[in-house]
């Protein structure tokens, strides 16, 4: 019973962020993997679970693939590879550049949420 998909993955993201939502949708449409999208805004129980594990969901989205969780630039790199953007993924893998690029994306998300008058995730969900 073969599958044309390389792997299955879950992408936990912020559905209130236009950029996050669009990246998640593109990931689902163009990925070589079967992608399950989970908007954390619609699942407060998952928000609580991540927070209880010490995962700051305001600073990262979460990818679950191959029985492991990926965060921040590692998650971004993994998704970009699945989308066929290996060179761009390499930037997110680079020791200094990768974390800096990802922190820039987090900063831009915060600016967007502020301008759009959306709230960041609450710590006490």
PDB file of N, CA and C in Angstrom:
ATOM      1  N   UNK A   1       0.845  -1.173   0.000  1.00  0.00           N
ATOM      2  CA  UNK A   1       0.000   0.000   0.000  1.00  0.00           C
ATOM      3  C   UNK A   1       0.888   1.231   0.000  1.00  0.00           C
ATOM      4  N   UNK A   2       1.255   1.711  -1.162  1.00  0.00           N
ATOM      5  CA  UNK A   2       2.181   2.828  -1.295  1.00  0.00           C
ATOM      6  C   UNK A   2       1.479   4.160  -1.258  1.00  0.00           C
ATOM      7  N   UNK A   3       2.223   5.156  -0.912  1.00  0.00           N
ATOM      8  CA  UNK A   3       1.716   6.519  -0.863  1.00  0.00           C
ATOM      9  C   UNK A   3       2.630   7.397  -1.693  1.00  0.00           C
ATOM     10  N   UNK A   4       2.037   8.380  -2.346  1.00  0.00           N
ATOM     11  CA  UNK A   4       2.849   9.301  -3.129  1.00  0.00           C
ATOM     12  C   UNK A   4       3.464  10.376  -2.248  1.00  0.00           C
ATOM     13  N   UNK A   5       3.075  10.424  -0.983  1.00  0.00           N
ATOM     14  CA  UNK A   5       3.602  11.424  -0.063  1.00  0.00           C
ATOM     15  C   UNK A   5       4.863  10.910   0.612  1.00  0.00           C
ATOM     16  N   UNK A   6       5.848  11.802   0.775  1.00  0.00           N
ATOM     17  CA  UNK A   6       7.084  11.434   1.450  1.00  0.00           C
ATOM     18  C   UNK A   6       6.847  11.197   2.935  1.00  0.00           C
ATOM     19  N   UNK A   7       6.077  12.043   3.547  1.00  0.00           N
ATOM     20  CA  UNK A   7       5.845  11.972   4.985  1.00  0.00           C
ATOM     21  C   UNK A   7       4.583  12.750   5.305  1.00  0.00           C
ATOM     22  N   UNK A   8       4.067  12.550   6.471  1.00  0.00           N
ATOM     23  CA  UNK A   8       2.959  13.362   6.966  1.00  0.00           C
ATOM     24  C   UNK A   8       3.537  14.339   7.976  1.00  0.00           C
ATOM     25  N   UNK A   9       2.976  15.526   8.010  1.00  0.00           N
ATOM     26  CA  UNK A   9       3.419  16.478   9.020  1.00  0.00           C
ATOM     27  C   UNK A   9       2.249  17.307   9.496  1.00  0.00           C
ATOM     28  N   UNK A  10       2.395  17.821  10.699  1.00  0.00           N
ATOM     29  CA  UNK A  10       1.422  18.733  11.285  1.00  0.00           C
ATOM     30  C   UNK A  10       2.099  20.082  11.443  1.00  0.00           C
ATOM     31  N   UNK A  11       1.383  21.115  11.060  1.00  0.00           N
ATOM     32  CA  UNK A  11       1.881  22.479  11.185  1.00  0.00           C
ATOM     33  C   UNK A  11       0.935  23.239  12.114  1.00  0.00           C
ATOM     34  N   UNK A  12       1.446  23.613  13.277  1.00  0.00           N
ATOM     35  CA  UNK A  12       0.695  24.391  14.263  1.00  0.00           C
ATOM     36  C   UNK A  12       1.097  25.851  14.070  1.00  0.00           C
ATOM     37  N   UNK A  13       0.116  26.723  13.809  1.00  0.00           N
ATOM     38  CA  UNK A  13       0.438  28.101  13.437  1.00  0.00           C
ATOM     39  C   UNK A  13      -0.592  29.063  14.010  1.00  0.00           C
ATOM     40  N   UNK A  14      -0.354  30.364  13.834  1.00  0.00           N
ATOM     41  CA  UNK A  14      -1.238  31.428  14.299  1.00  0.00           C
ATOM     42  C   UNK A  14      -2.141  31.864  13.154  1.00  0.00           C
ATOM     43  N   UNK A  15      -3.400  31.449  13.200  1.00  0.00           N
ATOM     44  CA  UNK A  15      -4.345  31.793  12.148  1.00  0.00           C
ATOM     45  C   UNK A  15      -4.737  33.259  12.112  1.00  0.00           C
ATOM     46  N   UNK A  16      -4.431  34.025  13.155  1.00  0.00           N
ATOM     47  CA  UNK A  16      -4.733  35.461  13.160  1.00  0.00           C
ATOM     48  C   UNK A  16      -3.708  36.267  12.382  1.00  0.00           C
ATOM     49  N   UNK A  17      -2.571  35.669  12.113  1.00  0.00           N
ATOM     50  CA  UNK A  17      -1.504  36.349  11.379  1.00  0.00           C
ATOM     51  C   UNK A  17      -1.656  36.032   9.893  1.00  0.00           C
ATOM     52  N   UNK A  18      -1.894  37.045   9.103  1.00  0.00           N
ATOM     53  CA  UNK A  18      -2.080  36.872   7.662  1.00  0.00           C
ATOM     54  C   UNK A  18      -0.904  36.141   7.024  1.00  0.00           C
ATOM     55  N   UNK A  19       0.305  36.516   7.391  1.00  0.00           N
ATOM     56  CA  UNK A  19       1.491  35.902   6.798  1.00  0.00           C
ATOM     57  C   UNK A  19       1.630  34.444   7.225  1.00  0.00           C
ATOM     58  N   UNK A  20       1.373  34.189   8.510  1.00  0.00           N
ATOM     59  CA  UNK A  20       1.448  32.809   9.020  1.00  0.00           C
ATOM     60  C   UNK A  20       0.417  31.935   8.322  1.00  0.00           C
ATOM     61  N   UNK A  21      -0.806  32.452   8.224  1.00  0.00           N
ATOM     62  CA  UNK A  21      -1.894  31.696   7.599  1.00  0.00           C
ATOM     63  C   UNK A  21      -1.588  31.408   6.134  1.00  0.00           C
ATOM     64  N   UNK A  22      -1.118  32.420   5.407  1.00  0.00           N
ATOM     65  CA  UNK A  22      -0.812  32.216   3.991  1.00  0.00           C
ATOM     66  C   UNK A  22       0.347  31.249   3.794  1.00  0.00           C
ATOM     67  N   UNK A  23       1.374  31.347   4.636  1.00  0.00           N
ATOM     68  CA  UNK A  23       2.495  30.411   4.533  1.00  0.00           C
ATOM     69  C   UNK A  23       2.024  28.993   4.830  1.00  0.00           C
ATOM     70  N   UNK A  24       1.139  28.855   5.817  1.00  0.00           N
ATOM     71  CA  UNK A  24       0.601  27.534   6.154  1.00  0.00           C
ATOM     72  C   UNK A  24      -0.191  26.964   4.979  1.00  0.00           C
ATOM     73  N   UNK A  25      -1.021  27.793   4.355  1.00  0.00           N
ATOM     74  CA  UNK A  25      -1.810  27.317   3.215  1.00  0.00           C
ATOM     75  C   UNK A  25      -0.928  26.928   2.040  1.00  0.00           C
ATOM     76  N   UNK A  26       0.076  27.729   1.743  1.00  0.00           N
ATOM     77  CA  UNK A  26       1.013  27.395   0.667  1.00  0.00           C
ATOM     78  C   UNK A  26       1.744  26.102   1.000  1.00  0.00           C
ATOM     79  N   UNK A  27       2.119  25.937   2.259  1.00  0.00           N
ATOM     80  CA  UNK A  27       2.795  24.707   2.680  1.00  0.00           C
ATOM     81  C   UNK A  27       1.922  23.497   2.413  1.00  0.00           C
ATOM     82  N   UNK A  28       0.639  23.635   2.688  1.00  0.00           N
ATOM     83  CA  UNK A  28      -0.277  22.509   2.462  1.00  0.00           C
ATOM     84  C   UNK A  28      -0.443  22.237   0.972  1.00  0.00           C
ATOM     85  N   UNK A  29      -0.584  23.289   0.184  1.00  0.00           N
ATOM     86  CA  UNK A  29      -0.845  23.119  -1.247  1.00  0.00           C
ATOM     87  C   UNK A  29       0.363  22.621  -2.030  1.00  0.00           C
ATOM     88  N   UNK A  30       1.546  23.106  -1.696  1.00  0.00           N
ATOM     89  CA  UNK A  30       2.721  22.827  -2.519  1.00  0.00           C
ATOM     90  C   UNK A  30       3.697  21.825  -1.930  1.00  0.00           C
ATOM     91  N   UNK A  31       3.461  21.404  -0.716  1.00  0.00           N
ATOM     92  CA  UNK A  31       4.417  20.524  -0.050  1.00  0.00           C
ATOM     93  C   UNK A  31       4.454  19.143  -0.681  1.00  0.00           C
ATOM     94  N   UNK A  32       5.610  18.519  -0.590  1.00  0.00           N
ATOM     95  CA  UNK A  32       5.764  17.137  -1.027  1.00  0.00           C
ATOM     96  C   UNK A  32       5.201  16.189   0.023  1.00  0.00           C
ATOM     97  N   UNK A  33       4.874  16.711   1.183  1.00  0.00           N
ATOM     98  CA  UNK A  33       4.324  15.914   2.284  1.00  0.00           C
ATOM     99  C   UNK A  33       2.825  16.188   2.404  1.00  0.00           C
ATOM    100  N   UNK A  34       2.153  15.314   3.093  1.00  0.00           N
ATOM    101  CA  UNK A  34       0.745  15.542   3.426  1.00  0.00           C
ATOM    102  C   UNK A  34       0.751  16.409   4.683  1.00  0.00           C
ATOM    103  N   UNK A  35       0.161  17.592   4.587  1.00  0.00           N
ATOM    104  CA  UNK A  35       0.239  18.580   5.667  1.00  0.00           C
ATOM    105  C   UNK A  35      -1.125  18.750   6.333  1.00  0.00           C
ATOM    106  N   UNK A  36      -1.139  18.611   7.648  1.00  0.00           N
ATOM    107  CA  UNK A  36      -2.333  18.910   8.438  1.00  0.00           C
ATOM    108  C   UNK A  36      -2.101  20.258   9.107  1.00  0.00           C
ATOM    109  N   UNK A  37      -2.967  21.218   8.808  1.00  0.00           N
ATOM    110  CA  UNK A  37      -2.845  22.561   9.372  1.00  0.00           C
ATOM    111  C   UNK A  37      -3.672  22.661  10.648  1.00  0.00           C
ATOM    112  N   UNK A  38      -3.058  23.187  11.700  1.00  0.00           N
ATOM    113  CA  UNK A  38      -3.753  23.342  12.972  1.00  0.00           C
ATOM    114  C   UNK A  38      -3.561  24.780  13.448  1.00  0.00           C
ATOM    115  N   UNK A  39      -4.651  25.553  13.350  1.00  0.00           N
ATOM    116  CA  UNK A  39      -4.656  26.945  13.785  1.00  0.00           C
ATOM    117  C   UNK A  39      -4.780  26.956  15.306  1.00  0.00           C
ATOM    118  N   UNK A  40      -3.736  27.375  15.981  1.00  0.00           N
ATOM    119  CA  UNK A  40      -3.742  27.368  17.441  1.00  0.00           C
ATOM    120  C   UNK A  40      -4.786  28.309  18.034  1.00  0.00           C
ATOM    121  N   UNK A  41      -5.232  29.298  17.275  1.00  0.00           N
ATOM    122  CA  UNK A  41      -6.283  30.200  17.771  1.00  0.00           C
ATOM    123  C   UNK A  41      -7.595  29.440  17.957  1.00  0.00           C
ATOM    124  N   UNK A  42      -7.789  28.393  17.177  1.00  0.00           N
ATOM    125  CA  UNK A  42      -9.021  27.605  17.255  1.00  0.00           C
ATOM    126  C   UNK A  42      -8.912  26.439  18.235  1.00  0.00           C
ATOM    127  N   UNK A  43      -7.753  26.248  18.820  1.00  0.00           N
ATOM    128  CA  UNK A  43      -7.522  25.112  19.711  1.00  0.00           C
ATOM    129  C   UNK A  43      -6.823  25.557  21.001  1.00  0.00           C
ATOM    130  N   UNK A  44      -7.569  26.204  21.911  1.00  0.00           N
ATOM    131  CA  UNK A  44      -6.950  26.664  23.156  1.00  0.00           C
ATOM    132  C   UNK A  44      -6.351  25.532  23.979  1.00  0.00           C
ATOM    133  N   UNK A  45      -6.899  24.327  23.847  1.00  0.00           N
ATOM    134  CA  UNK A  45      -6.329  23.189  24.586  1.00  0.00           C
ATOM    135  C   UNK A  45      -4.909  22.893  24.115  1.00  0.00           C
ATOM    136  N   UNK A  46      -4.657  23.028  22.819  1.00  0.00           N
ATOM    137  CA  UNK A  46      -3.299  22.834  22.300  1.00  0.00           C
ATOM    138  C   UNK A  46      -2.389  23.982  22.722  1.00  0.00           C
ATOM    139  N   UNK A  47      -2.940  25.204  22.751  1.00  0.00           N
ATOM    140  CA  UNK A  47      -2.154  26.340  23.251  1.00  0.00           C
ATOM    141  C   UNK A  47      -1.669  26.045  24.662  1.00  0.00           C
ATOM    142  N   UNK A  48      -2.601  25.606  25.511  1.00  0.00           N
ATOM    143  CA  UNK A  48      -2.248  25.296  26.902  1.00  0.00           C
ATOM    144  C   UNK A  48      -1.203  24.192  26.978  1.00  0.00           C
ATOM    145  N   UNK A  49      -1.358  23.169  26.159  1.00  0.00           N
ATOM    146  CA  UNK A  49      -0.412  22.046  26.178  1.00  0.00           C
ATOM    147  C   UNK A  49       0.991  22.514  25.792  1.00  0.00           C
ATOM    148  N   UNK A  50       1.091  23.327  24.739  1.00  0.00           N
ATOM    149  CA  UNK A  50       2.406  23.834  24.329  1.00  0.00           C
ATOM    150  C   UNK A  50       3.008  24.723  25.417  1.00  0.00           C
ATOM    151  N   UNK A  51       2.185  25.606  25.983  1.00  0.00           N
ATOM    152  CA  UNK A  51       2.676  26.487  27.045  1.00  0.00           C
ATOM    153  C   UNK A  51       3.139  25.681  28.251  1.00  0.00           C
ATOM    154  N   UNK A  52       2.407  24.623  28.590  1.00  0.00           N
ATOM    155  CA  UNK A  52       2.792  23.771  29.722  1.00  0.00           C
ATOM    156  C   UNK A  52       4.134  23.084  29.477  1.00  0.00           C
ATOM    157  N   UNK A  53       4.451  22.846  28.207  1.00  0.00           N
ATOM    158  CA  UNK A  53       5.741  22.240  27.852  1.00  0.00           C
ATOM    159  C   UNK A  53       6.857  23.278  27.762  1.00  0.00           C
ATOM    160  N   UNK A  54       6.508  24.554  27.971  1.00  0.00           N
ATOM    161  CA  UNK A  54       7.511  25.609  27.903  1.00  0.00           C
ATOM    162  C   UNK A  54       7.768  26.123  26.499  1.00  0.00           C
ATOM    163  N   UNK A  55       6.873  25.815  25.573  1.00  0.00           N
ATOM    164  CA  UNK A  55       7.029  26.263  24.184  1.00  0.00           C
ATOM    165  C   UNK A  55       6.337  27.611  24.038  1.00  0.00           C
ATOM    166  N   UNK A  56       7.096  28.632  23.694  1.00  0.00           N
ATOM    167  CA  UNK A  56       6.559  29.978  23.519  1.00  0.00           C
ATOM    168  C   UNK A  56       5.961  30.079  22.118  1.00  0.00           C
ATOM    169  N   UNK A  57       4.664  29.841  22.018  1.00  0.00           N
ATOM    170  CA  UNK A  57       4.010  29.818  20.711  1.00  0.00           C
ATOM    171  C   UNK A  57       3.867  31.205  20.096  1.00  0.00           C
ATOM    172  N   UNK A  58       4.239  32.238  20.822  1.00  0.00           N
ATOM    173  CA  UNK A  58       4.290  33.568  20.223  1.00  0.00           C
ATOM    174  C   UNK A  58       5.593  33.783  19.457  1.00  0.00           C
ATOM    175  N   UNK A  59       6.562  32.934  19.691  1.00  0.00           N
ATOM    176  CA  UNK A  59       7.862  33.093  19.033  1.00  0.00           C
ATOM    177  C   UNK A  59       8.178  31.984  18.044  1.00  0.00           C
ATOM    178  N   UNK A  60       7.296  31.013  17.936  1.00  0.00           N
ATOM    179  CA  UNK A  60       7.562  29.922  17.003  1.00  0.00           C
ATOM    180  C   UNK A  60       6.268  29.279  16.551  1.00  0.00           C
ATOM    181  N   UNK A  61       6.285  28.761  15.360  1.00  0.00           N
ATOM    182  CA  UNK A  61       5.255  27.806  15.001  1.00  0.00           C
ATOM    183  C   UNK A  61       5.897  26.444  15.193  1.00  0.00           C
ATOM    184  N   UNK A  62       5.091  25.422  15.192  1.00  0.00           N
ATOM    185  CA  UNK A  62       5.585  24.089  15.510  1.00  0.00           C
ATOM    186  C   UNK A  62       5.280  23.155  14.345  1.00  0.00           C
ATOM    187  N   UNK A  63       6.284  22.390  13.947  1.00  0.00           N
ATOM    188  CA  UNK A  63       6.102  21.357  12.928  1.00  0.00           C
ATOM    189  C   UNK A  63       6.365  20.012  13.588  1.00  0.00           C
ATOM    190  N   UNK A  64       5.431  19.099  13.427  1.00  0.00           N
ATOM    191  CA  UNK A  64       5.636  17.722  13.873  1.00  0.00           C
ATOM    192  C   UNK A  64       5.794  16.865  12.630  1.00  0.00           C
ATOM    193  N   UNK A  65       6.935  16.204  12.519  1.00  0.00           N
ATOM    194  CA  UNK A  65       7.213  15.333  11.375  1.00  0.00           C
ATOM    195  C   UNK A  65       8.208  14.271  11.806  1.00  0.00           C
ATOM    196  N   UNK A  66       8.061  13.097  11.254  1.00  0.00           N
ATOM    197  CA  UNK A  66       8.996  12.004  11.553  1.00  0.00           C
ATOM    198  C   UNK A  66       9.171  11.792  13.054  1.00  0.00           C
ATOM    199  N   UNK A  67       8.069  11.835  13.784  1.00  0.00           N
ATOM    200  CA  UNK A  67       8.054  11.599  15.235  1.00  0.00           C
ATOM    201  C   UNK A  67       8.911  12.589  16.025  1.00  0.00           C
ATOM    202  N   UNK A  68       9.087  13.785  15.495  1.00  0.00           N
ATOM    203  CA  UNK A  68       9.809  14.811  16.241  1.00  0.00           C
ATOM    204  C   UNK A  68       9.161  16.171  16.012  1.00  0.00           C
ATOM    205  N   UNK A  69       9.463  17.095  16.909  1.00  0.00           N
ATOM    206  CA  UNK A  69       8.973  18.466  16.786  1.00  0.00           C
ATOM    207  C   UNK A  69      10.112  19.377  16.375  1.00  0.00           C
ATOM    208  N   UNK A  70       9.785  20.271  15.471  1.00  0.00           N
ATOM    209  CA  UNK A  70      10.747  21.270  15.016  1.00  0.00           C
ATOM    210  C   UNK A  70      10.194  22.650  15.347  1.00  0.00           C
ATOM    211  N   UNK A  71      11.100  23.560  15.696  1.00  0.00           N
ATOM    212  CA  UNK A  71      10.719  24.903  16.095  1.00  0.00           C
ATOM    213  C   UNK A  71      11.556  25.924  15.333  1.00  0.00           C
ATOM    214  N   UNK A  72      11.060  27.154  15.348  1.00  0.00           N
ATOM    215  CA  UNK A  72      11.777  28.325  14.845  1.00  0.00           C
ATOM    216  C   UNK A  72      12.414  28.073  13.484  1.00  0.00           C
ATOM    217  N   UNK A  73      13.697  28.411  13.343  1.00  0.00           N
ATOM    218  CA  UNK A  73      14.336  28.321  12.028  1.00  0.00           C
ATOM    219  C   UNK A  73      14.432  26.881  11.524  1.00  0.00           C
ATOM    220  N   UNK A  74      14.531  25.902  12.420  1.00  0.00           N
ATOM    221  CA  UNK A  74      14.574  24.495  11.983  1.00  0.00           C
ATOM    222  C   UNK A  74      13.241  24.096  11.353  1.00  0.00           C
ATOM    223  N   UNK A  75      12.136  24.550  11.936  1.00  0.00           N
ATOM    224  CA  UNK A  75      10.814  24.272  11.371  1.00  0.00           C
ATOM    225  C   UNK A  75      10.661  24.958  10.019  1.00  0.00           C
ATOM    226  N   UNK A  76      11.106  26.201   9.938  1.00  0.00           N
ATOM    227  CA  UNK A  76      11.021  26.942   8.677  1.00  0.00           C
ATOM    228  C   UNK A  76      11.846  26.258   7.598  1.00  0.00           C
ATOM    229  N   UNK A  77      13.045  25.864   7.925  1.00  0.00           N
ATOM    230  CA  UNK A  77      13.914  25.183   6.970  1.00  0.00           C
ATOM    231  C   UNK A  77      13.273  23.892   6.471  1.00  0.00           C
ATOM    232  N   UNK A  78      12.736  23.112   7.392  1.00  0.00           N
ATOM    233  CA  UNK A  78      12.103  21.844   7.020  1.00  0.00           C
ATOM    234  C   UNK A  78      10.955  22.079   6.041  1.00  0.00           C
ATOM    235  N   UNK A  79      10.103  23.065   6.337  1.00  0.00           N
ATOM    236  CA  UNK A  79       8.977  23.347   5.447  1.00  0.00           C
ATOM    237  C   UNK A  79       9.446  23.841   4.089  1.00  0.00           C
ATOM    238  N   UNK A  80      10.464  24.687   4.075  1.00  0.00           N
ATOM    239  CA  UNK A  80      10.975  25.189   2.799  1.00  0.00           C
ATOM    240  C   UNK A  80      11.532  24.059   1.940  1.00  0.00           C
ATOM    241  N   UNK A  81      12.175  23.087   2.545  1.00  0.00           N
ATOM    242  CA  UNK A  81      12.652  21.914   1.795  1.00  0.00           C
ATOM    243  C   UNK A  81      11.460  21.164   1.214  1.00  0.00           C
ATOM    244  N   UNK A  82      10.407  20.997   2.014  1.00  0.00           N
ATOM    245  CA  UNK A  82       9.209  20.303   1.532  1.00  0.00           C
ATOM    246  C   UNK A  82       8.567  21.043   0.360  1.00  0.00           C
ATOM    247  N   UNK A  83       8.745  22.361   0.327  1.00  0.00           N
ATOM    248  CA  UNK A  83       8.195  23.175  -0.753  1.00  0.00           C
ATOM    249  C   UNK A  83       9.118  23.237  -1.966  1.00  0.00           C
ATOM    250  N   UNK A  84      10.306  22.671  -1.841  1.00  0.00           N
ATOM    251  CA  UNK A  84      11.244  22.674  -2.957  1.00  0.00           C
ATOM    252  C   UNK A  84      12.204  23.846  -2.965  1.00  0.00           C
ATOM    253  N   UNK A  85      12.259  24.620  -1.891  1.00  0.00           N
ATOM    254  CA  UNK A  85      13.144  25.783  -1.805  1.00  0.00           C
ATOM    255  C   UNK A  85      14.373  25.447  -0.968  1.00  0.00           C
ATOM    256  N   UNK A  86      15.187  24.551  -1.459  1.00  0.00           N
ATOM    257  CA  UNK A  86      16.333  24.061  -0.684  1.00  0.00           C
ATOM    258  C   UNK A  86      17.376  25.144  -0.419  1.00  0.00           C
ATOM    259  N   UNK A  87      17.588  26.022  -1.375  1.00  0.00           N
ATOM    260  CA  UNK A  87      18.589  27.083  -1.164  1.00  0.00           C
ATOM    261  C   UNK A  87      18.156  28.060  -0.081  1.00  0.00           C
ATOM    262  N   UNK A  88      16.895  28.440  -0.115  1.00  0.00           N
ATOM    263  CA  UNK A  88      16.382  29.341   0.925  1.00  0.00           C
ATOM    264  C   UNK A  88      16.399  28.624   2.272  1.00  0.00           C
ATOM    265  N   UNK A  89      16.046  27.341   2.263  1.00  0.00           N
ATOM    266  CA  UNK A  89      16.078  26.546   3.496  1.00  0.00           C
ATOM    267  C   UNK A  89      17.479  26.546   4.088  1.00  0.00           C
ATOM    268  N   UNK A  90      18.487  26.511   3.236  1.00  0.00           N
ATOM    269  CA  UNK A  90      19.870  26.529   3.698  1.00  0.00           C
ATOM    270  C   UNK A  90      20.201  27.772   4.501  1.00  0.00           C
ATOM    271  N   UNK A  91      19.582  28.899   4.152  1.00  0.00           N
ATOM    272  CA  UNK A  91      19.796  30.129   4.924  1.00  0.00           C
ATOM    273  C   UNK A  91      19.271  29.972   6.347  1.00  0.00           C
ATOM    274  N   UNK A  92      18.124  29.311   6.488  1.00  0.00           N
ATOM    275  CA  UNK A  92      17.547  29.111   7.816  1.00  0.00           C
ATOM    276  C   UNK A  92      18.316  28.067   8.613  1.00  0.00           C
ATOM    277  N   UNK A  93      19.100  27.237   7.927  1.00  0.00           N
ATOM    278  CA  UNK A  93      19.936  26.241   8.605  1.00  0.00           C
ATOM    279  C   UNK A  93      21.275  26.814   9.066  1.00  0.00           C
ATOM    280  N   UNK A  94      21.699  27.922   8.458  1.00  0.00           N
ATOM    281  CA  UNK A  94      23.006  28.499   8.783  1.00  0.00           C
ATOM    282  C   UNK A  94      23.058  28.912  10.254  1.00  0.00           C
ATOM    283  N   UNK A  95      24.187  28.656  10.890  1.00  0.00           N
ATOM    284  CA  UNK A  95      24.342  28.825  12.344  1.00  0.00           C
ATOM    285  C   UNK A  95      23.945  30.210  12.854  1.00  0.00           C
ATOM    286  N   UNK A  96      24.415  31.264  12.228  1.00  0.00           N
ATOM    287  CA  UNK A  96      24.119  32.617  12.706  1.00  0.00           C
ATOM    288  C   UNK A  96      22.954  33.227  11.935  1.00  0.00           C
ATOM    289  N   UNK A  97      22.952  33.033  10.633  1.00  0.00           N
ATOM    290  CA  UNK A  97      21.943  33.647   9.774  1.00  0.00           C
ATOM    291  C   UNK A  97      20.548  33.085  10.045  1.00  0.00           C
ATOM    292  N   UNK A  98      20.441  31.768  10.220  1.00  0.00           N
ATOM    293  CA  UNK A  98      19.136  31.126  10.401  1.00  0.00           C
ATOM    294  C   UNK A  98      18.334  31.681  11.562  1.00  0.00           C
ATOM    295  N   UNK A  99      18.898  31.678  12.776  1.00  0.00           N
ATOM    296  CA  UNK A  99      18.152  32.243  13.905  1.00  0.00           C
ATOM    297  C   UNK A  99      17.842  33.730  13.727  1.00  0.00           C
ATOM    298  N   UNK A 100      18.759  34.482  13.140  1.00  0.00           N
ATOM    299  CA  UNK A 100      18.524  35.914  12.925  1.00  0.00           C
ATOM    300  C   UNK A 100      17.375  36.134  11.941  1.00  0.00           C
ATOM    301  N   UNK A 101      17.352  35.359  10.864  1.00  0.00           N
ATOM    302  CA  UNK A 101      16.254  35.466   9.899  1.00  0.00           C
ATOM    303  C   UNK A 101      14.924  35.135  10.558  1.00  0.00           C
ATOM    304  N   UNK A 102      14.923  34.082  11.345  1.00  0.00           N
ATOM    305  CA  UNK A 102      13.673  33.680  11.977  1.00  0.00           C
ATOM    306  C   UNK A 102      13.208  34.734  12.982  1.00  0.00           C
ATOM    307  N   UNK A 103      14.128  35.301  13.754  1.00  0.00           N
ATOM    308  CA  UNK A 103      13.756  36.349  14.711  1.00  0.00           C
ATOM    309  C   UNK A 103      13.190  37.569  13.989  1.00  0.00           C
ATOM    310  N   UNK A 104      13.697  37.846  12.795  1.00  0.00           N
ATOM    311  CA  UNK A 104      13.159  38.939  11.985  1.00  0.00           C
ATOM    312  C   UNK A 104      11.714  38.650  11.603  1.00  0.00           C
ATOM    313  N   UNK A 105      11.424  37.412  11.213  1.00  0.00           N
ATOM    314  CA  UNK A 105      10.049  37.040  10.874  1.00  0.00           C
ATOM    315  C   UNK A 105       9.125  37.172  12.087  1.00  0.00           C
ATOM    316  N   UNK A 106       9.604  36.775  13.250  1.00  0.00           N
ATOM    317  CA  UNK A 106       8.811  36.893  14.480  1.00  0.00           C
ATOM    318  C   UNK A 106       8.521  38.369  14.764  1.00  0.00           C
ATOM    319  N   UNK A 107       9.522  39.218  14.597  1.00  0.00           N
ATOM    320  CA  UNK A 107       9.351  40.656  14.809  1.00  0.00           C
ATOM    321  C   UNK A 107       8.315  41.222  13.834  1.00  0.00           C
ATOM    322  N   UNK A 108       8.399  40.832  12.563  1.00  0.00           N
ATOM    323  CA  UNK A 108       7.441  41.305  11.562  1.00  0.00           C
ATOM    324  C   UNK A 108       6.025  40.827  11.881  1.00  0.00           C
ATOM    325  N   UNK A 109       5.907  39.614  12.405  1.00  0.00           N
ATOM    326  CA  UNK A 109       4.594  39.100  12.817  1.00  0.00           C
ATOM    327  C   UNK A 109       4.023  39.969  13.928  1.00  0.00           C
ATOM    328  N   UNK A 110       4.850  40.331  14.894  1.00  0.00           N
ATOM    329  CA  UNK A 110       4.377  41.176  15.999  1.00  0.00           C
ATOM    330  C   UNK A 110       3.910  42.533  15.491  1.00  0.00           C
ATOM    331  N   UNK A 111       4.652  43.097  14.554  1.00  0.00           N
ATOM    332  CA  UNK A 111       4.241  44.378  13.962  1.00  0.00           C
ATOM    333  C   UNK A 111       2.899  44.215  13.264  1.00  0.00           C
ATOM    334  N   UNK A 112       2.763  43.140  12.480  1.00  0.00           N
ATOM    335  CA  UNK A 112       1.493  42.899  11.787  1.00  0.00           C
ATOM    336  C   UNK A 112       0.345  42.780  12.790  1.00  0.00           C
ATOM    337  N   UNK A 113       0.523  41.972  13.833  1.00  0.00           N
ATOM    338  CA  UNK A 113      -0.540  41.788  14.823  1.00  0.00           C
ATOM    339  C   UNK A 113      -0.918  43.118  15.470  1.00  0.00           C
ATOM    340  N   UNK A 114       0.076  43.963  15.741  1.00  0.00           N
ATOM    341  CA  UNK A 114      -0.187  45.274  16.331  1.00  0.00           C
ATOM    342  C   UNK A 114      -0.992  46.147  15.369  1.00  0.00           C
ATOM    343  N   UNK A 115      -0.548  46.230  14.114  1.00  0.00           N
ATOM    344  CA  UNK A 115      -1.236  47.057  13.114  1.00  0.00           C
ATOM    345  C   UNK A 115      -2.649  46.536  12.858  1.00  0.00           C
ATOM    346  N   UNK A 116      -2.799  45.225  12.802  1.00  0.00           N
ATOM    347  CA  UNK A 116      -4.103  44.613  12.534  1.00  0.00           C
ATOM    348  C   UNK A 116      -4.979  44.539  13.786  1.00  0.00           C
ATOM    349  N   UNK A 117      -4.440  45.024  14.911  1.00  0.00           N
ATOM    350  CA  UNK A 117      -5.153  45.023  16.194  1.00  0.00           C
ATOM    351  C   UNK A 117      -5.562  43.616  16.628  1.00  0.00           C
ATOM    352  N   UNK A 118      -4.648  42.697  16.410  1.00  0.00           N
ATOM    353  CA  UNK A 118      -4.828  41.311  16.856  1.00  0.00           C
ATOM    354  C   UNK A 118      -3.963  41.112  18.091  1.00  0.00           C
ATOM    355  N   UNK A 119      -4.392  40.259  18.957  1.00  0.00           N
ATOM    356  CA  UNK A 119      -3.663  40.006  20.196  1.00  0.00           C
ATOM    357  C   UNK A 119      -2.674  38.863  20.027  1.00  0.00           C
ATOM    358  N   UNK A 120      -1.513  38.960  20.664  1.00  0.00           N
ATOM    359  CA  UNK A 120      -0.629  37.789  20.709  1.00  0.00           C
ATOM    360  C   UNK A 120      -1.302  36.706  21.546  1.00  0.00           C
ATOM    361  N   UNK A 121      -0.741  35.514  21.516  1.00  0.00           N
ATOM    362  CA  UNK A 121      -1.291  34.428  22.330  1.00  0.00           C
ATOM    363  C   UNK A 121      -1.191  34.802  23.799  1.00  0.00           C
ATOM    364  N   UNK A 122      -2.180  34.412  24.565  1.00  0.00           N
ATOM    365  CA  UNK A 122      -2.172  34.674  26.006  1.00  0.00           C
ATOM    366  C   UNK A 122      -1.463  33.544  26.719  1.00  0.00           C
ATOM    367  N   UNK A 123      -0.792  33.880  27.769  1.00  0.00           N
ATOM    368  CA  UNK A 123      -0.066  32.879  28.562  1.00  0.00           C
ATOM    369  C   UNK A 123      -1.007  32.064  29.450  1.00  0.00           C
ATOM    370  N   UNK A 124      -2.201  32.594  29.695  1.00  0.00           N
ATOM    371  CA  UNK A 124      -3.117  31.928  30.626  1.00  0.00           C
ATOM    372  C   UNK A 124      -4.370  31.399  29.928  1.00  0.00           C
ATOM    373  N   UNK A 125      -4.193  30.813  28.784  1.00  0.00           N
ATOM    374  CA  UNK A 125      -5.323  30.302  27.995  1.00  0.00           C
ATOM    375  C   UNK A 125      -6.047  29.220  28.759  1.00  0.00           C
TER     376      UNK A 125
END
